[in-house]
Protein backbone atom coordinates (compact mmCIF):
# COMPACT_ATOMS: atom_id res chain seq x y z
CA UNK A 1 -11.93 2.84 -1.57
CA UNK A 2 -10.50 1.72 2.39
CA UNK A 3 -10.08 3.87 5.04
CA UNK A 4 -6.78 4.37 4.60
CA UNK A 5 -6.91 5.43 0.93
CA UNK A 6 -9.35 7.79 2.12
CA UNK A 7 -7.59 9.32 4.79
CA UNK A 8 -4.71 9.85 2.58
CA UNK A 9 -6.73 11.05 -0.20
CA UNK A 10 -8.36 13.78 2.34
CA UNK A 11 -4.66 14.42 3.74
CA UNK A 12 -3.72 15.37 0.31
CA UNK A 13 -6.68 17.18 -0.37
CA UNK A 14 -6.10 19.39 2.81
CA UNK A 15 -2.21 20.09 2.26
CA UNK A 16 -3.14 21.21 -1.48
CA UNK A 17 -5.86 23.69 0.27
CA UNK A 18 -3.29 25.10 3.02
CA UNK A 19 -0.66 27.55 2.13
CA UNK A 20 2.34 26.70 4.41
CA UNK A 21 4.56 29.36 3.69
CA UNK A 22 7.67 28.79 3.62
CA UNK A 23 7.29 24.81 4.48
CA UNK A 24 8.63 22.57 1.61
CA UNK A 25 5.47 20.26 1.49
CA UNK A 26 6.40 17.74 -1.47
CA UNK A 27 8.02 15.24 0.39
CA UNK A 28 4.29 14.64 1.93
CA UNK A 29 2.65 14.90 -1.16
CA UNK A 30 4.88 13.08 -2.98
CA UNK A 31 4.26 10.22 0.03
CA UNK A 32 0.82 10.61 -0.01
CA UNK A 33 0.78 10.05 -4.26
CA UNK A 34 2.83 7.24 -3.78
CA UNK A 35 0.46 5.58 -1.24
CA UNK A 36 -2.47 6.57 -3.36
CA UNK A 37 -0.83 4.25 -6.19
CA UNK A 38 -0.33 1.27 -4.05
CA UNK A 39 -2.31 -1.48 -6.10
CA UNK A 40 -5.66 -2.66 -4.25
CA UNK A 41 -5.53 -6.23 -3.19
CA UNK A 42 -7.84 -8.37 -0.87
CA UNK A 43 -5.75 -11.14 0.82
CA UNK A 44 -8.24 -14.36 0.39
CA UNK A 45 -7.90 -17.60 1.68
CA UNK A 46 -7.46 -18.55 -1.86
CA UNK A 47 -4.83 -16.42 -2.46
CA UNK A 48 -3.38 -17.67 1.13
CA UNK A 49 -3.89 -21.20 -0.27
CA UNK A 50 -2.02 -20.94 -3.74
CA UNK A 51 1.00 -18.65 -2.16
CA UNK A 52 1.25 -21.32 0.85
CA UNK A 53 1.31 -24.15 -1.70
CA UNK A 54 3.44 -22.50 -4.22
CA UNK A 55 6.28 -21.97 -1.53
CA UNK A 56 6.28 -25.39 -0.17
CA UNK A 57 4.94 -24.96 2.73
CA UNK A 58 8.04 -22.97 4.36
CA UNK A 59 7.40 -20.29 6.42
CA UNK A 60 10.11 -18.10 5.31
CA UNK A 61 9.35 -18.39 2.16
CA UNK A 62 5.97 -18.25 2.23
CA UNK A 63 5.92 -14.93 4.71
CA UNK A 64 8.03 -13.58 1.49
CA UNK A 65 5.68 -14.60 -0.87
CA UNK A 66 2.66 -13.31 0.85
CA UNK A 67 4.83 -9.93 1.31
CA UNK A 68 5.60 -9.51 -2.16
CA UNK A 69 1.69 -10.19 -3.51
CA UNK A 70 0.68 -7.34 -1.07
CA UNK A 71 3.28 -5.06 -3.07
CA UNK A 72 1.96 -6.10 -6.38
CA UNK A 73 5.43 -8.27 -7.56
CA UNK A 74 5.21 -11.53 -8.16
């Protein structure tokens, strides 16, 4: 588990244990759950080369392709 995922899990566990009284902690819990559901991806040299060639070597298109890939989109 990555450091960021581990931190999100720890924060969520802590929030679940603490009584915040009238404070509505649902938005924080929902954000942490959403972060934990994100796909784990490693951007390897091979993936970068594939994305570069698929997008004709244009920097703008390449950057957007990397962004989509990191989000788990096609």
